[in-house]
Amino acid sequence: MTDFQELINKSIKNLRLSLDMTQEKFSEKCGLSTDNYRNLEYNRHSPKSSTIDKICSAFNLTPLELLRYGAEQPDGIEQITDSLSGMSENQLSMVKDFITLVRKYDLKD
């Protein structure tokens, strides 16, 4: 299987997970059999263009938007950094104080 095929399958799975849907509910909404859908998630085969169309139609996405679900998600530090950007000095000070409290009262051994 090519990297592109794996990206498509990963994108479909990540879309399902982001919607907090079971494989059964997701495949039902898209008009796919559950077995065929599972084969996509487990990279047993790649979807036909008609399958991609069904998925995109079911969730009002373009194929490009679907592919974005397969992109690597930032790790925790990058997510925190992104969240901090644009905060005021006062807000950043509050976050710093919160971090200090968490470290102080962390009860790990």
PDB file of N, CA and C in Angstrom:
ATOM      1  N   MET A   1       0.850  -1.177   0.000  1.00  0.00           N
ATOM      2  CA  MET A   1       0.000   0.000   0.000  1.00  0.00           C
ATOM      3  C   MET A   1       0.896   1.240   0.000  1.00  0.00           C
ATOM      4  N   THR A   2       0.543   2.204  -0.797  1.00  0.00           N
ATOM      5  CA  THR A   2       1.352   3.416  -0.894  1.00  0.00           C
ATOM      6  C   THR A   2       1.096   4.324   0.299  1.00  0.00           C
ATOM      7  N   ASP A   3       2.013   5.265   0.498  1.00  0.00           N
ATOM      8  CA  ASP A   3       1.857   6.234   1.577  1.00  0.00           C
ATOM      9  C   ASP A   3       0.566   7.039   1.411  1.00  0.00           C
ATOM     10  N   PHE A   4       0.219   7.349   0.157  1.00  0.00           N
ATOM     11  CA  PHE A   4      -0.995   8.128  -0.077  1.00  0.00           C
ATOM     12  C   PHE A   4      -2.235   7.331   0.317  1.00  0.00           C
ATOM     13  N   GLN A   5      -2.249   6.047  -0.003  1.00  0.00           N
ATOM     14  CA  GLN A   5      -3.382   5.214   0.381  1.00  0.00           C
ATOM     15  C   GLN A   5      -3.506   5.129   1.900  1.00  0.00           C
ATOM     16  N   GLU A   6      -2.387   5.004   2.570  1.00  0.00           N
ATOM     17  CA  GLU A   6      -2.408   4.970   4.039  1.00  0.00           C
ATOM     18  C   GLU A   6      -2.900   6.293   4.608  1.00  0.00           C
ATOM     19  N   LEU A   7      -2.523   7.405   3.982  1.00  0.00           N
ATOM     20  CA  LEU A   7      -2.985   8.719   4.427  1.00  0.00           C
ATOM     21  C   LEU A   7      -4.501   8.827   4.305  1.00  0.00           C
ATOM     22  N   ILE A   8      -5.046   8.342   3.208  1.00  0.00           N
ATOM     23  CA  ILE A   8      -6.499   8.384   3.020  1.00  0.00           C
ATOM     24  C   ILE A   8      -7.191   7.566   4.108  1.00  0.00           C
ATOM     25  N   ASN A   9      -6.714   6.345   4.330  1.00  0.00           N
ATOM     26  CA  ASN A   9      -7.326   5.483   5.343  1.00  0.00           C
ATOM     27  C   ASN A   9      -7.193   6.090   6.741  1.00  0.00           C
ATOM     28  N   LYS A  10      -6.049   6.654   7.029  1.00  0.00           N
ATOM     29  CA  LYS A  10      -5.831   7.298   8.326  1.00  0.00           C
ATOM     30  C   LYS A  10      -6.755   8.505   8.485  1.00  0.00           C
ATOM     31  N   SER A  11      -6.937   9.249   7.422  1.00  0.00           N
ATOM     32  CA  SER A  11      -7.822  10.416   7.458  1.00  0.00           C
ATOM     33  C   SER A  11      -9.252  10.006   7.771  1.00  0.00           C
ATOM     34  N   ILE A  12      -9.694   8.935   7.145  1.00  0.00           N
ATOM     35  CA  ILE A  12     -11.059   8.450   7.372  1.00  0.00           C
ATOM     36  C   ILE A  12     -11.217   8.004   8.826  1.00  0.00           C
ATOM     37  N   LYS A  13     -10.243   7.269   9.326  1.00  0.00           N
ATOM     38  CA  LYS A  13     -10.305   6.812  10.721  1.00  0.00           C
ATOM     39  C   LYS A  13     -10.289   8.001  11.685  1.00  0.00           C
ATOM     40  N   ASN A  14      -9.397   8.963  11.449  1.00  0.00           N
ATOM     41  CA  ASN A  14      -9.312  10.129  12.333  1.00  0.00           C
ATOM     42  C   ASN A  14     -10.593  10.955  12.309  1.00  0.00           C
ATOM     43  N   LEU A  15     -11.244  11.028  11.155  1.00  0.00           N
ATOM     44  CA  LEU A  15     -12.532  11.717  11.075  1.00  0.00           C
ATOM     45  C   LEU A  15     -13.532  11.012  11.987  1.00  0.00           C
ATOM     46  N   ARG A  16     -13.595   9.695  11.882  1.00  0.00           N
ATOM     47  CA  ARG A  16     -14.526   8.928  12.712  1.00  0.00           C
ATOM     48  C   ARG A  16     -14.248   9.157  14.195  1.00  0.00           C
ATOM     49  N   LEU A  17     -12.978   9.096  14.568  1.00  0.00           N
ATOM     50  CA  LEU A  17     -12.608   9.289  15.972  1.00  0.00           C
ATOM     51  C   LEU A  17     -12.930  10.702  16.452  1.00  0.00           C
ATOM     52  N   SER A  18     -12.710  11.691  15.588  1.00  0.00           N
ATOM     53  CA  SER A  18     -12.994  13.079  15.982  1.00  0.00           C
ATOM     54  C   SER A  18     -14.488  13.299  16.203  1.00  0.00           C
ATOM     55  N   LEU A  19     -15.312  12.482  15.552  1.00  0.00           N
ATOM     56  CA  LEU A  19     -16.763  12.573  15.711  1.00  0.00           C
ATOM     57  C   LEU A  19     -17.265  11.661  16.825  1.00  0.00           C
ATOM     58  N   ASP A  20     -16.341  10.925  17.445  1.00  0.00           N
ATOM     59  CA  ASP A  20     -16.662  10.010  18.542  1.00  0.00           C
ATOM     60  C   ASP A  20     -17.751   9.016  18.122  1.00  0.00           C
ATOM     61  N   MET A  21     -17.538   8.434  16.946  1.00  0.00           N
ATOM     62  CA  MET A  21     -18.497   7.467  16.411  1.00  0.00           C
ATOM     63  C   MET A  21     -17.869   6.080  16.381  1.00  0.00           C
ATOM     64  N   THR A  22     -18.703   5.072  16.573  1.00  0.00           N
ATOM     65  CA  THR A  22     -18.233   3.701  16.409  1.00  0.00           C
ATOM     66  C   THR A  22     -18.063   3.422  14.920  1.00  0.00           C
ATOM     67  N   GLN A  23     -17.348   2.363  14.618  1.00  0.00           N
ATOM     68  CA  GLN A  23     -17.203   1.970  13.216  1.00  0.00           C
ATOM     69  C   GLN A  23     -18.566   1.664  12.605  1.00  0.00           C
ATOM     70  N   GLU A  24     -19.429   1.045  13.391  1.00  0.00           N
ATOM     71  CA  GLU A  24     -20.754   0.682  12.896  1.00  0.00           C
ATOM     72  C   GLU A  24     -21.579   1.923  12.546  1.00  0.00           C
ATOM     73  N   LYS A  25     -21.618   2.895  13.463  1.00  0.00           N
ATOM     74  CA  LYS A  25     -22.402   4.114  13.225  1.00  0.00           C
ATOM     75  C   LYS A  25     -21.835   4.913  12.057  1.00  0.00           C
ATOM     76  N   PHE A  26     -20.510   5.015  11.996  1.00  0.00           N
ATOM     77  CA  PHE A  26     -19.861   5.761  10.922  1.00  0.00           C
ATOM     78  C   PHE A  26     -20.184   5.129   9.571  1.00  0.00           C
ATOM     79  N   SER A  27     -19.996   3.815   9.479  1.00  0.00           N
ATOM     80  CA  SER A  27     -20.234   3.143   8.196  1.00  0.00           C
ATOM     81  C   SER A  27     -21.709   3.237   7.794  1.00  0.00           C
ATOM     82  N   GLU A  28     -22.598   3.154   8.777  1.00  0.00           N
ATOM     83  CA  GLU A  28     -24.032   3.277   8.493  1.00  0.00           C
ATOM     84  C   GLU A  28     -24.355   4.663   7.933  1.00  0.00           C
ATOM     85  N   LYS A  29     -23.815   5.708   8.560  1.00  0.00           N
ATOM     86  CA  LYS A  29     -24.073   7.078   8.102  1.00  0.00           C
ATOM     87  C   LYS A  29     -23.561   7.291   6.681  1.00  0.00           C
ATOM     88  N   CYS A  30     -22.461   6.609   6.338  1.00  0.00           N
ATOM     89  CA  CYS A  30     -21.868   6.772   5.014  1.00  0.00           C
ATOM     90  C   CYS A  30     -22.456   5.826   3.967  1.00  0.00           C
ATOM     91  N   GLY A  31     -23.285   4.896   4.396  1.00  0.00           N
ATOM     92  CA  GLY A  31     -23.852   3.940   3.456  1.00  0.00           C
ATOM     93  C   GLY A  31     -22.871   2.863   3.052  1.00  0.00           C
ATOM     94  N   LEU A  32     -21.982   2.497   3.971  1.00  0.00           N
ATOM     95  CA  LEU A  32     -20.981   1.457   3.715  1.00  0.00           C
ATOM     96  C   LEU A  32     -21.252   0.266   4.617  1.00  0.00           C
ATOM     97  N   SER A  33     -20.811  -0.902   4.203  1.00  0.00           N
ATOM     98  CA  SER A  33     -20.911  -2.047   5.104  1.00  0.00           C
ATOM     99  C   SER A  33     -19.837  -1.894   6.182  1.00  0.00           C
ATOM    100  N   THR A  34     -20.130  -2.381   7.360  1.00  0.00           N
ATOM    101  CA  THR A  34     -19.172  -2.285   8.460  1.00  0.00           C
ATOM    102  C   THR A  34     -17.893  -3.042   8.127  1.00  0.00           C
ATOM    103  N   ASP A  35     -18.021  -4.199   7.501  1.00  0.00           N
ATOM    104  CA  ASP A  35     -16.828  -4.975   7.135  1.00  0.00           C
ATOM    105  C   ASP A  35     -15.945  -4.218   6.155  1.00  0.00           C
ATOM    106  N   ASN A  36     -16.546  -3.603   5.143  1.00  0.00           N
ATOM    107  CA  ASN A  36     -15.754  -2.824   4.185  1.00  0.00           C
ATOM    108  C   ASN A  36     -15.082  -1.648   4.876  1.00  0.00           C
ATOM    109  N   TYR A  37     -15.812  -1.009   5.795  1.00  0.00           N
ATOM    110  CA  TYR A  37     -15.217   0.117   6.510  1.00  0.00           C
ATOM    111  C   TYR A  37     -14.035  -0.347   7.360  1.00  0.00           C
ATOM    112  N   ARG A  38     -14.194  -1.450   8.065  1.00  0.00           N
ATOM    113  CA  ARG A  38     -13.088  -1.958   8.898  1.00  0.00           C
ATOM    114  C   ARG A  38     -11.856  -2.246   8.044  1.00  0.00           C
ATOM    115  N   ASN A  39     -12.066  -2.758   6.851  1.00  0.00           N
ATOM    116  CA  ASN A  39     -10.941  -3.026   5.956  1.00  0.00           C
ATOM    117  C   ASN A  39     -10.168  -1.750   5.636  1.00  0.00           C
ATOM    118  N   LEU A  40     -10.861  -0.626   5.553  1.00  0.00           N
ATOM    119  CA  LEU A  40     -10.175   0.649   5.324  1.00  0.00           C
ATOM    120  C   LEU A  40      -9.323   1.017   6.534  1.00  0.00           C
ATOM    121  N   GLU A  41      -9.931   0.935   7.718  1.00  0.00           N
ATOM    122  CA  GLU A  41      -9.198   1.328   8.927  1.00  0.00           C
ATOM    123  C   GLU A  41      -7.971   0.469   9.159  1.00  0.00           C
ATOM    124  N   TYR A  42      -8.057  -0.792   8.809  1.00  0.00           N
ATOM    125  CA  TYR A  42      -6.934  -1.701   9.025  1.00  0.00           C
ATOM    126  C   TYR A  42      -6.014  -1.792   7.815  1.00  0.00           C
ATOM    127  N   ASN A  43      -6.169  -0.853   6.888  1.00  0.00           N
ATOM    128  CA  ASN A  43      -5.324  -0.759   5.690  1.00  0.00           C
ATOM    129  C   ASN A  43      -5.289  -2.044   4.876  1.00  0.00           C
ATOM    130  N   ARG A  44      -6.399  -2.753   4.852  1.00  0.00           N
ATOM    131  CA  ARG A  44      -6.472  -3.965   4.029  1.00  0.00           C
ATOM    132  C   ARG A  44      -6.707  -3.618   2.568  1.00  0.00           C
ATOM    133  N   HIS A  45      -7.357  -2.475   2.341  1.00  0.00           N
ATOM    134  CA  HIS A  45      -7.494  -1.966   0.971  1.00  0.00           C
ATOM    135  C   HIS A  45      -7.763  -0.471   1.043  1.00  0.00           C
ATOM    136  N   SER A  46      -7.609   0.180  -0.082  1.00  0.00           N
ATOM    137  CA  SER A  46      -7.851   1.619  -0.130  1.00  0.00           C
ATOM    138  C   SER A  46      -9.250   1.868  -0.681  1.00  0.00           C
ATOM    139  N   PRO A  47      -9.835   2.994  -0.311  1.00  0.00           N
ATOM    140  CA  PRO A  47     -11.208   3.259  -0.753  1.00  0.00           C
ATOM    141  C   PRO A  47     -11.277   3.619  -2.229  1.00  0.00           C
ATOM    142  N   LYS A  48     -12.382   3.241  -2.838  1.00  0.00           N
ATOM    143  CA  LYS A  48     -12.666   3.672  -4.206  1.00  0.00           C
ATOM    144  C   LYS A  48     -13.076   5.143  -4.139  1.00  0.00           C
ATOM    145  N   SER A  49     -13.020   5.818  -5.254  1.00  0.00           N
ATOM    146  CA  SER A  49     -13.433   7.227  -5.276  1.00  0.00           C
ATOM    147  C   SER A  49     -14.889   7.369  -4.862  1.00  0.00           C
ATOM    148  N   SER A  50     -15.721   6.389  -5.189  1.00  0.00           N
ATOM    149  CA  SER A  50     -17.134   6.460  -4.797  1.00  0.00           C
ATOM    150  C   SER A  50     -17.287   6.374  -3.280  1.00  0.00           C
ATOM    151  N   THR A  51     -16.410   5.637  -2.627  1.00  0.00           N
ATOM    152  CA  THR A  51     -16.443   5.542  -1.164  1.00  0.00           C
ATOM    153  C   THR A  51     -16.041   6.867  -0.548  1.00  0.00           C
ATOM    154  N   ILE A  52     -15.013   7.487  -1.088  1.00  0.00           N
ATOM    155  CA  ILE A  52     -14.585   8.802  -0.594  1.00  0.00           C
ATOM    156  C   ILE A  52     -15.718   9.808  -0.785  1.00  0.00           C
ATOM    157  N   ASP A  53     -16.381   9.740  -1.928  1.00  0.00           N
ATOM    158  CA  ASP A  53     -17.521  10.632  -2.185  1.00  0.00           C
ATOM    159  C   ASP A  53     -18.634  10.422  -1.160  1.00  0.00           C
ATOM    160  N   LYS A  54     -18.926   9.169  -0.821  1.00  0.00           N
ATOM    161  CA  LYS A  54     -19.972   8.884   0.169  1.00  0.00           C
ATOM    162  C   LYS A  54     -19.607   9.471   1.533  1.00  0.00           C
ATOM    163  N   ILE A  55     -18.362   9.291   1.929  1.00  0.00           N
ATOM    164  CA  ILE A  55     -17.918   9.798   3.231  1.00  0.00           C
ATOM    165  C   ILE A  55     -17.979  11.314   3.258  1.00  0.00           C
ATOM    166  N   CYS A  56     -17.455  11.943   2.216  1.00  0.00           N
ATOM    167  CA  CYS A  56     -17.465  13.409   2.149  1.00  0.00           C
ATOM    168  C   CYS A  56     -18.892  13.950   2.143  1.00  0.00           C
ATOM    169  N   SER A  57     -19.761  13.293   1.406  1.00  0.00           N
ATOM    170  CA  SER A  57     -21.147  13.731   1.331  1.00  0.00           C
ATOM    171  C   SER A  57     -21.841  13.589   2.687  1.00  0.00           C
ATOM    172  N   ALA A  58     -21.585  12.483   3.383  1.00  0.00           N
ATOM    173  CA  ALA A  58     -22.230  12.227   4.675  1.00  0.00           C
ATOM    174  C   ALA A  58     -21.865  13.278   5.716  1.00  0.00           C
ATOM    175  N   PHE A  59     -20.652  13.834   5.602  1.00  0.00           N
ATOM    176  CA  PHE A  59     -20.185  14.788   6.612  1.00  0.00           C
ATOM    177  C   PHE A  59     -19.944  16.182   6.043  1.00  0.00           C
ATOM    178  N   ASN A  60     -20.453  16.415   4.841  1.00  0.00           N
ATOM    179  CA  ASN A  60     -20.351  17.729   4.201  1.00  0.00           C
ATOM    180  C   ASN A  60     -18.906  18.232   4.145  1.00  0.00           C
ATOM    181  N   LEU A  61     -18.030  17.372   3.630  1.00  0.00           N
ATOM    182  CA  LEU A  61     -16.607  17.697   3.493  1.00  0.00           C
ATOM    183  C   LEU A  61     -16.197  17.608   2.031  1.00  0.00           C
ATOM    184  N   THR A  62     -15.142  18.323   1.695  1.00  0.00           N
ATOM    185  CA  THR A  62     -14.504  18.120   0.405  1.00  0.00           C
ATOM    186  C   THR A  62     -13.440  17.042   0.601  1.00  0.00           C
ATOM    187  N   PRO A  63     -12.990  16.395  -0.459  1.00  0.00           N
ATOM    188  CA  PRO A  63     -11.907  15.423  -0.296  1.00  0.00           C
ATOM    189  C   PRO A  63     -10.652  16.033   0.340  1.00  0.00           C
ATOM    190  N   LEU A  64     -10.350  17.276   0.024  1.00  0.00           N
ATOM    191  CA  LEU A  64      -9.187  17.926   0.636  1.00  0.00           C
ATOM    192  C   LEU A  64      -9.379  18.077   2.145  1.00  0.00           C
ATOM    193  N   GLU A  65     -10.574  18.466   2.565  1.00  0.00           N
ATOM    194  CA  GLU A  65     -10.841  18.586   3.996  1.00  0.00           C
ATOM    195  C   GLU A  65     -10.721  17.223   4.682  1.00  0.00           C
ATOM    196  N   LEU A  66     -11.169  16.174   4.025  1.00  0.00           N
ATOM    197  CA  LEU A  66     -11.033  14.829   4.580  1.00  0.00           C
ATOM    198  C   LEU A  66      -9.565  14.473   4.773  1.00  0.00           C
ATOM    199  N   LEU A  67      -8.737  14.782   3.786  1.00  0.00           N
ATOM    200  CA  LEU A  67      -7.308  14.453   3.885  1.00  0.00           C
ATOM    201  C   LEU A  67      -6.621  15.156   5.055  1.00  0.00           C
ATOM    202  N   ARG A  68      -7.112  16.316   5.425  1.00  0.00           N
ATOM    203  CA  ARG A  68      -6.504  17.046   6.542  1.00  0.00           C
ATOM    204  C   ARG A  68      -6.626  16.288   7.858  1.00  0.00           C
ATOM    205  N   TYR A  69      -7.610  15.395   7.942  1.00  0.00           N
ATOM    206  CA  TYR A  69      -7.742  14.591   9.162  1.00  0.00           C
ATOM    207  C   TYR A  69      -6.602  13.591   9.303  1.00  0.00           C
ATOM    208  N   GLY A  70      -5.882  13.334   8.229  1.00  0.00           N
ATOM    209  CA  GLY A  70      -4.758  12.415   8.287  1.00  0.00           C
ATOM    210  C   GLY A  70      -3.444  13.083   8.612  1.00  0.00           C
ATOM    211  N   ALA A  71      -3.445  14.412   8.624  1.00  0.00           N
ATOM    212  CA  ALA A  71      -2.209  15.146   8.920  1.00  0.00           C
ATOM    213  C   ALA A  71      -1.807  14.918  10.366  1.00  0.00           C
ATOM    214  N   GLU A  72      -0.537  14.929  10.599  1.00  0.00           N
ATOM    215  CA  GLU A  72      -0.029  14.748  11.954  1.00  0.00           C
ATOM    216  C   GLU A  72      -0.534  15.865  12.851  1.00  0.00           C
ATOM    217  N   GLN A  73      -0.999  15.475  14.014  1.00  0.00           N
ATOM    218  CA  GLN A  73      -1.463  16.448  14.987  1.00  0.00           C
ATOM    219  C   GLN A  73      -0.275  16.907  15.830  1.00  0.00           C
ATOM    220  N   PRO A  74      -0.259  18.167  16.236  1.00  0.00           N
ATOM    221  CA  PRO A  74       0.854  18.641  17.049  1.00  0.00           C
ATOM    222  C   PRO A  74       0.879  17.946  18.401  1.00  0.00           C
ATOM    223  N   ASP A  75       2.091  17.819  18.951  1.00  0.00           N
ATOM    224  CA  ASP A  75       2.185  17.205  20.267  1.00  0.00           C
ATOM    225  C   ASP A  75       1.705  18.183  21.330  1.00  0.00           C
ATOM    226  N   GLY A  76       1.687  17.759  22.571  1.00  0.00           N
ATOM    227  CA  GLY A  76       1.146  18.557  23.657  1.00  0.00           C
ATOM    228  C   GLY A  76       1.793  19.917  23.797  1.00  0.00           C
ATOM    229  N   ILE A  77       3.114  19.985  23.668  1.00  0.00           N
ATOM    230  CA  ILE A  77       3.818  21.255  23.822  1.00  0.00           C
ATOM    231  C   ILE A  77       3.402  22.230  22.724  1.00  0.00           C
ATOM    232  N   GLU A  78       3.305  21.742  21.493  1.00  0.00           N
ATOM    233  CA  GLU A  78       2.893  22.616  20.392  1.00  0.00           C
ATOM    234  C   GLU A  78       1.462  23.104  20.582  1.00  0.00           C
ATOM    235  N   GLN A  79       0.603  22.242  21.092  1.00  0.00           N
ATOM    236  CA  GLN A  79      -0.782  22.650  21.341  1.00  0.00           C
ATOM    237  C   GLN A  79      -0.831  23.736  22.407  1.00  0.00           C
ATOM    238  N   ILE A  80      -0.041  23.564  23.445  1.00  0.00           N
ATOM    239  CA  ILE A  80      -0.006  24.575  24.513  1.00  0.00           C
ATOM    240  C   ILE A  80       0.545  25.883  23.975  1.00  0.00           C
ATOM    241  N   THR A  81       1.611  25.817  23.205  1.00  0.00           N
ATOM    242  CA  THR A  81       2.204  27.018  22.625  1.00  0.00           C
ATOM    243  C   THR A  81       1.196  27.741  21.744  1.00  0.00           C
ATOM    244  N   ASP A  82       0.478  26.976  20.929  1.00  0.00           N
ATOM    245  CA  ASP A  82      -0.550  27.578  20.079  1.00  0.00           C
ATOM    246  C   ASP A  82      -1.626  28.257  20.917  1.00  0.00           C
ATOM    247  N   SER A  83      -2.005  27.632  22.025  1.00  0.00           N
ATOM    248  CA  SER A  83      -3.035  28.196  22.893  1.00  0.00           C
ATOM    249  C   SER A  83      -2.572  29.479  23.571  1.00  0.00           C
ATOM    250  N   LEU A  84      -1.277  29.572  23.856  1.00  0.00           N
ATOM    251  CA  LEU A  84      -0.753  30.747  24.550  1.00  0.00           C
ATOM    252  C   LEU A  84      -0.590  31.957  23.642  1.00  0.00           C
ATOM    253  N   SER A  85      -0.421  31.713  22.358  1.00  0.00           N
ATOM    254  CA  SER A  85      -0.206  32.837  21.454  1.00  0.00           C
ATOM    255  C   SER A  85      -1.432  33.735  21.436  1.00  0.00           C
ATOM    256  N   GLY A  86      -1.203  35.002  21.509  1.00  0.00           N
ATOM    257  CA  GLY A  86      -2.294  35.967  21.471  1.00  0.00           C
ATOM    258  C   GLY A  86      -2.876  36.300  22.835  1.00  0.00           C
ATOM    259  N   MET A  87      -2.367  35.658  23.892  1.00  0.00           N
ATOM    260  CA  MET A  87      -2.864  35.984  25.231  1.00  0.00           C
ATOM    261  C   MET A  87      -2.244  37.284  25.723  1.00  0.00           C
ATOM    262  N   SER A  88      -3.001  37.954  26.578  1.00  0.00           N
ATOM    263  CA  SER A  88      -2.483  39.199  27.172  1.00  0.00           C
ATOM    264  C   SER A  88      -1.432  38.854  28.227  1.00  0.00           C
ATOM    265  N   GLU A  89      -0.675  39.863  28.651  1.00  0.00           N
ATOM    266  CA  GLU A  89       0.328  39.667  29.701  1.00  0.00           C
ATOM    267  C   GLU A  89      -0.327  39.156  30.979  1.00  0.00           C
ATOM    268  N   ASN A  90      -1.494  39.687  31.290  1.00  0.00           N
ATOM    269  CA  ASN A  90      -2.212  39.262  32.491  1.00  0.00           C
ATOM    270  C   ASN A  90      -2.605  37.787  32.396  1.00  0.00           C
ATOM    271  N   GLN A  91      -3.107  37.366  31.252  1.00  0.00           N
ATOM    272  CA  GLN A  91      -3.489  35.973  31.059  1.00  0.00           C
ATOM    273  C   GLN A  91      -2.276  35.054  31.148  1.00  0.00           C
ATOM    274  N   LEU A  92      -1.168  35.461  30.537  1.00  0.00           N
ATOM    275  CA  LEU A  92       0.049  34.654  30.594  1.00  0.00           C
ATOM    276  C   LEU A  92       0.559  34.534  32.028  1.00  0.00           C
ATOM    277  N   SER A  93       0.438  35.593  32.792  1.00  0.00           N
ATOM    278  CA  SER A  93       0.841  35.566  34.199  1.00  0.00           C
ATOM    279  C   SER A  93      -0.017  34.568  34.978  1.00  0.00           C
ATOM    280  N   MET A  94      -1.304  34.550  34.689  1.00  0.00           N
ATOM    281  CA  MET A  94      -2.201  33.602  35.358  1.00  0.00           C
ATOM    282  C   MET A  94      -1.844  32.158  34.993  1.00  0.00           C
ATOM    283  N   VAL A  95      -1.511  31.920  33.742  1.00  0.00           N
ATOM    284  CA  VAL A  95      -1.116  30.578  33.311  1.00  0.00           C
ATOM    285  C   VAL A  95       0.162  30.163  34.032  1.00  0.00           C
ATOM    286  N   LYS A  96       1.111  31.075  34.118  1.00  0.00           N
ATOM    287  CA  LYS A  96       2.370  30.785  34.816  1.00  0.00           C
ATOM    288  C   LYS A  96       2.100  30.439  36.280  1.00  0.00           C
ATOM    289  N   ASP A  97       1.226  31.201  36.936  1.00  0.00           N
ATOM    290  CA  ASP A  97       0.882  30.921  38.333  1.00  0.00           C
ATOM    291  C   ASP A  97       0.227  29.549  38.470  1.00  0.00           C
ATOM    292  N   PHE A  98      -0.621  29.208  37.515  1.00  0.00           N
ATOM    293  CA  PHE A  98      -1.284  27.905  37.542  1.00  0.00           C
ATOM    294  C   PHE A  98      -0.261  26.782  37.412  1.00  0.00           C
ATOM    295  N   ILE A  99       0.687  26.935  36.505  1.00  0.00           N
ATOM    296  CA  ILE A  99       1.732  25.923  36.318  1.00  0.00           C
ATOM    297  C   ILE A  99       2.539  25.763  37.599  1.00  0.00           C
ATOM    298  N   THR A 100       2.858  26.864  38.248  1.00  0.00           N
ATOM    299  CA  THR A 100       3.597  26.819  39.511  1.00  0.00           C
ATOM    300  C   THR A 100       2.812  26.025  40.555  1.00  0.00           C
ATOM    301  N   LEU A 101       1.506  26.263  40.633  1.00  0.00           N
ATOM    302  CA  LEU A 101       0.665  25.533  41.588  1.00  0.00           C
ATOM    303  C   LEU A 101       0.621  24.043  41.271  1.00  0.00           C
ATOM    304  N   VAL A 102       0.487  23.707  40.020  1.00  0.00           N
ATOM    305  CA  VAL A 102       0.450  22.303  39.622  1.00  0.00           C
ATOM    306  C   VAL A 102       1.744  21.608  40.015  1.00  0.00           C
ATOM    307  N   ARG A 103       2.853  22.234  39.759  1.00  0.00           N
ATOM    308  CA  ARG A 103       4.149  21.649  40.117  1.00  0.00           C
ATOM    309  C   ARG A 103       4.283  21.511  41.629  1.00  0.00           C
ATOM    310  N   LYS A 104       3.820  22.518  42.362  1.00  0.00           N
ATOM    311  CA  LYS A 104       3.947  22.520  43.828  1.00  0.00           C
ATOM    312  C   LYS A 104       3.126  21.394  44.451  1.00  0.00           C
ATOM    313  N   TYR A 105       1.926  21.153  43.926  1.00  0.00           N
ATOM    314  CA  TYR A 105       1.031  20.187  44.542  1.00  0.00           C
ATOM    315  C   TYR A 105       0.955  18.868  43.807  1.00  0.00           C
ATOM    316  N   ASP A 106       1.869  18.638  42.892  1.00  0.00           N
ATOM    317  CA  ASP A 106       1.928  17.354  42.209  1.00  0.00           C
ATOM    318  C   ASP A 106       2.311  16.300  43.235  1.00  0.00           C
ATOM    319  N   LEU A 107       1.473  15.316  43.433  1.00  0.00           N
ATOM    320  CA  LEU A 107       1.661  14.345  44.488  1.00  0.00           C
ATOM    321  C   LEU A 107       2.340  13.056  44.024  1.00  0.00           C
ATOM    322  N   LYS A 108       2.983  13.104  42.890  1.00  0.00           N
ATOM    323  CA  LYS A 108       3.701  11.917  42.424  1.00  0.00           C
ATOM    324  C   LYS A 108       4.839  11.597  43.383  1.00  0.00           C
ATOM    325  N   ASP A 109       5.232  10.320  43.402  1.00  0.00           N
ATOM    326  CA  ASP A 109       6.351   9.922  44.263  1.00  0.00           C
ATOM    327  C   ASP A 109       7.626  10.585  43.855  1.00  0.00           C
TER     328      ASP A 109
END
